[in-house]
Amino acid sequence: MKHILPYLAVIIVLIYGFYNGYIKQEERRNPSRIKNRYENYVPRENASDPAEELQRIATKEYTYRYIVTVIKDGSSQLHFKKDEIMEGGFASAKDAPMIACYVMSLSGEKCGDDYPKEAAMYFSSNCAGCHGEDAKGLDGTYPDLTQRPLLGIAKRKASLKRLMKREEHAIIKGL
C-alpha cells in the first residue's frame, strides 16, 4: 500500500491539472456556458439577460423581492462561516413581505403597502438576534440591512457586471 500512494498522488495531480488546464479553459472560451449559468438564475429574477437585471437592480421593487426571497429561502452567497448561513424559514412566507417592508423603512425607503404594526415585532423576534434592533448588524458581524444597496444585492450587481464583461470579451474574441 505504501508503494501505491505516490503513484496515486501523481494521478490525482495530473487529473487536477487536466481539469484546470482544459475544462476551465473551455469554460472561458465558450461564452454560452457563462450564459447558461446566468439563465439558470433567470427564472427567479424574471429577466432575459444580465443587462436587463442590472437596470432593475437599484429599484425598490428589486430590494423588496430580494429581502422576501432571503427570508423565505435563505442565502449563502455572503460566504459566512457554516454556522452563520442565513437559512430560510426564520419567518413564515406569509410574514416575509411585512418584514421586508419594515426592513426597507429602517433605511428610509417606503414599501408599496404600509406594513402592519406587528412587523416590528416579527423583525425583533426573527431577525434582530443577528442584525440588531436597528438592523445595522451586531458589531459588523452580520450585514447591515439599512445600507443601500444591501450587501447581497451589491455582490449580485458586481457578479452581473463581471458576467457581462466576460460575455462582451468572448464576443469580441469571436469576431
Protein backbone atom coordinates (compact mmCIF):
# COMPACT_ATOMS: atom_id res chain seq x y z
CA MET A 1 0.00 0.00 0.00
CA LYS A 2 2.86 2.39 0.83
CA HIS A 3 4.23 1.95 -2.67
CA ILE A 4 0.92 2.82 -4.34
CA LEU A 5 0.37 6.16 -2.56
CA PRO A 6 2.98 8.16 -4.54
CA TYR A 7 1.54 6.91 -7.82
CA LEU A 8 -1.96 7.71 -6.65
CA ALA A 9 -0.88 11.22 -5.66
CA VAL A 10 0.68 11.76 -9.12
CA ILE A 11 -2.52 10.59 -10.81
CA ILE A 12 -4.63 12.96 -8.71
CA VAL A 13 -2.32 15.89 -9.54
CA LEU A 14 -2.49 15.03 -13.25
CA ILE A 15 -6.29 14.84 -13.20
CA TYR A 16 -6.49 18.16 -11.36
CA GLY A 17 -4.07 19.74 -13.86
CA PHE A 18 -6.14 18.42 -16.76
CA TYR A 19 -9.29 19.81 -15.22
CA ASN A 20 -7.80 23.26 -14.65
CA GLY A 21 -5.93 23.34 -17.95
CA TYR A 22 -8.56 22.03 -20.28
CA ILE A 23 -12.05 22.13 -18.79
CA LYS A 24 -11.72 25.52 -17.03
CA GLN A 25 -10.08 26.95 -20.18
CA GLU A 26 -13.00 25.63 -22.23
CA GLU A 27 -15.42 27.49 -19.94
CA ARG A 28 -13.51 30.73 -20.59
CA ARG A 29 -13.57 30.15 -24.35
CA ASN A 30 -17.22 29.17 -24.52
CA PRO A 31 -19.46 32.14 -23.61
CA SER A 32 -22.61 30.02 -23.96
CA ARG A 33 -21.61 28.20 -20.76
CA ILE A 34 -21.44 31.54 -18.97
CA LYS A 35 -24.81 32.48 -20.42
CA ASN A 36 -26.25 29.14 -19.30
CA ARG A 37 -25.12 29.79 -15.72
CA TYR A 38 -27.00 33.08 -15.80
CA GLU A 39 -30.05 31.51 -17.40
CA ASN A 40 -30.25 29.02 -14.55
CA TYR A 41 -30.73 32.03 -12.26
CA VAL A 42 -33.11 33.93 -14.57
CA PRO A 43 -36.37 32.17 -13.66
CA ARG A 44 -36.06 33.53 -10.11
CA GLU A 45 -35.36 37.04 -11.36
CA ASN A 46 -37.70 37.19 -14.38
CA ALA A 47 -35.02 38.78 -16.53
CA SER A 48 -33.97 37.80 -20.02
CA ASP A 49 -30.34 38.82 -19.61
CA PRO A 50 -27.84 40.35 -17.18
CA ALA A 51 -28.19 43.85 -18.67
CA GLU A 52 -31.92 43.85 -18.00
CA GLU A 53 -31.41 42.77 -14.41
CA LEU A 54 -28.73 45.43 -13.93
CA GLN A 55 -31.25 48.09 -14.95
CA ARG A 56 -33.69 46.89 -12.28
CA ILE A 57 -31.22 46.11 -9.51
CA ALA A 58 -31.33 49.57 -7.91
CA THR A 59 -35.12 49.71 -7.69
CA LYS A 60 -37.17 49.42 -4.50
CA GLU A 61 -39.09 46.52 -6.04
CA TYR A 62 -35.87 44.56 -6.55
CA THR A 63 -34.76 45.25 -2.97
CA TYR A 64 -38.16 44.22 -1.63
CA ARG A 65 -38.20 40.99 -3.67
CA TYR A 66 -34.62 40.23 -2.63
CA ILE A 67 -35.41 40.61 1.08
CA VAL A 68 -38.55 38.47 0.81
CA THR A 69 -36.60 35.77 -1.08
CA VAL A 70 -33.81 35.71 1.51
CA ILE A 71 -36.32 35.46 4.35
CA LYS A 72 -38.15 32.60 2.64
CA ASP A 73 -35.22 30.72 1.05
CA GLY A 74 -32.16 31.86 2.97
CA SER A 75 -28.84 32.92 1.50
CA SER A 76 -25.34 31.53 1.47
CA GLN A 77 -23.93 33.96 -1.08
CA LEU A 78 -22.12 36.06 1.52
CA HIS A 79 -19.90 33.11 2.48
CA PHE A 80 -20.14 33.45 6.24
CA LYS A 81 -18.98 30.60 8.39
CA LYS A 82 -21.10 27.45 8.14
CA ASP A 83 -22.98 28.22 11.35
CA GLU A 84 -23.73 31.75 10.17
CA ILE A 85 -25.51 30.97 6.91
CA MET A 86 -28.85 32.71 6.65
CA GLU A 87 -31.19 29.77 6.38
CA GLY A 88 -34.68 30.15 5.04
CA GLY A 89 -37.74 29.89 7.18
CA PHE A 90 -36.77 32.07 10.14
CA ALA A 91 -40.09 33.74 9.47
CA SER A 92 -43.09 32.35 7.64
CA ALA A 93 -43.64 33.04 3.96
CA LYS A 94 -46.76 34.96 4.99
CA ASP A 95 -44.78 37.25 7.32
CA ALA A 96 -41.83 37.77 4.94
CA PRO A 97 -43.43 40.63 2.92
CA MET A 98 -44.30 42.66 6.01
CA ILE A 99 -40.81 42.12 7.48
CA ALA A 100 -39.31 43.21 4.15
CA CYS A 101 -41.35 46.43 4.24
CA TYR A 102 -40.27 47.06 7.81
CA VAL A 103 -36.59 46.48 6.93
CA MET A 104 -36.89 48.89 4.00
CA SER A 105 -38.44 51.50 6.30
CA LEU A 106 -35.38 51.31 8.57
CA SER A 107 -33.30 52.74 5.73
CA GLY A 108 -35.87 55.39 4.86
CA GLU A 109 -37.44 53.57 1.91
CA LYS A 110 -41.18 53.26 1.67
CA CYS A 111 -42.72 49.99 0.64
CA GLY A 112 -45.67 50.00 -1.74
CA ASP A 113 -48.01 48.93 1.03
CA ASP A 114 -47.94 50.04 4.63
CA TYR A 115 -46.80 47.24 6.85
CA PRO A 116 -48.79 46.23 9.92
CA LYS A 117 -47.62 47.39 13.34
CA GLU A 118 -46.66 43.85 14.30
CA ALA A 119 -43.98 43.81 11.56
CA ALA A 120 -41.51 45.38 14.03
CA MET A 121 -42.29 42.56 16.47
CA TYR A 122 -41.74 39.92 13.77
CA PHE A 123 -38.43 41.57 12.86
CA SER A 124 -37.39 41.68 16.52
CA SER A 125 -38.24 38.06 17.14
CA ASN A 126 -36.80 36.65 13.88
CA CYS A 127 -34.04 38.96 12.66
CA ALA A 128 -32.80 41.26 15.42
CA GLY A 129 -30.80 38.49 17.11
CA CYS A 130 -28.24 38.75 14.30
CA HIS A 131 -28.94 42.08 12.66
CA GLY A 132 -29.74 44.09 15.80
CA GLU A 133 -32.88 46.03 16.67
CA ASP A 134 -31.70 48.88 14.42
CA ALA A 135 -30.83 46.35 11.63
CA LYS A 136 -27.26 47.67 11.39
CA GLY A 137 -25.75 44.25 12.15
CA LEU A 138 -24.31 43.33 15.51
CA ASP A 139 -20.86 44.92 15.70
CA GLY A 140 -20.39 44.44 11.96
CA THR A 141 -20.68 40.67 12.28
CA TYR A 142 -23.86 40.37 10.24
CA PRO A 143 -24.87 42.50 7.25
CA ASP A 144 -26.27 45.97 7.82
CA LEU A 145 -29.81 45.85 6.46
CA THR A 146 -30.07 49.64 6.34
CA GLN A 147 -27.25 50.15 3.84
CA ARG A 148 -28.17 50.51 0.20
CA PRO A 149 -27.61 48.55 -1.80
CA LEU A 150 -27.83 45.60 0.53
CA LEU A 151 -24.63 43.58 0.63
CA GLY A 152 -26.16 40.65 -1.26
CA ILE A 153 -27.51 42.95 -3.97
CA ALA A 154 -24.12 44.69 -4.26
CA LYS A 155 -22.48 41.28 -4.73
CA ARG A 156 -25.10 40.34 -7.33
CA LYS A 157 -24.51 43.61 -9.19
CA ALA A 158 -20.74 43.03 -9.26
CA SER A 159 -21.33 39.48 -10.46
CA LEU A 160 -23.61 40.66 -13.27
CA LYS A 161 -21.05 43.24 -14.37
CA ARG A 162 -18.30 40.58 -14.46
CA LEU A 163 -20.60 38.26 -16.39
CA MET A 164 -21.40 40.94 -18.95
CA LYS A 165 -17.72 41.83 -19.29
CA ARG A 166 -16.82 38.16 -19.93
CA GLU A 167 -19.62 37.83 -22.49
CA GLU A 168 -18.51 41.04 -24.18
CA HIS A 169 -14.89 39.87 -24.22
CA ALA A 170 -15.92 36.48 -25.63
CA ILE A 171 -17.96 38.12 -28.38
CA ILE A 172 -15.10 40.44 -29.33
CA LYS A 173 -12.66 37.50 -29.44
CA GLY A 174 -15.11 35.57 -31.59
CA LEU A 175 -15.27 38.28 -34.28
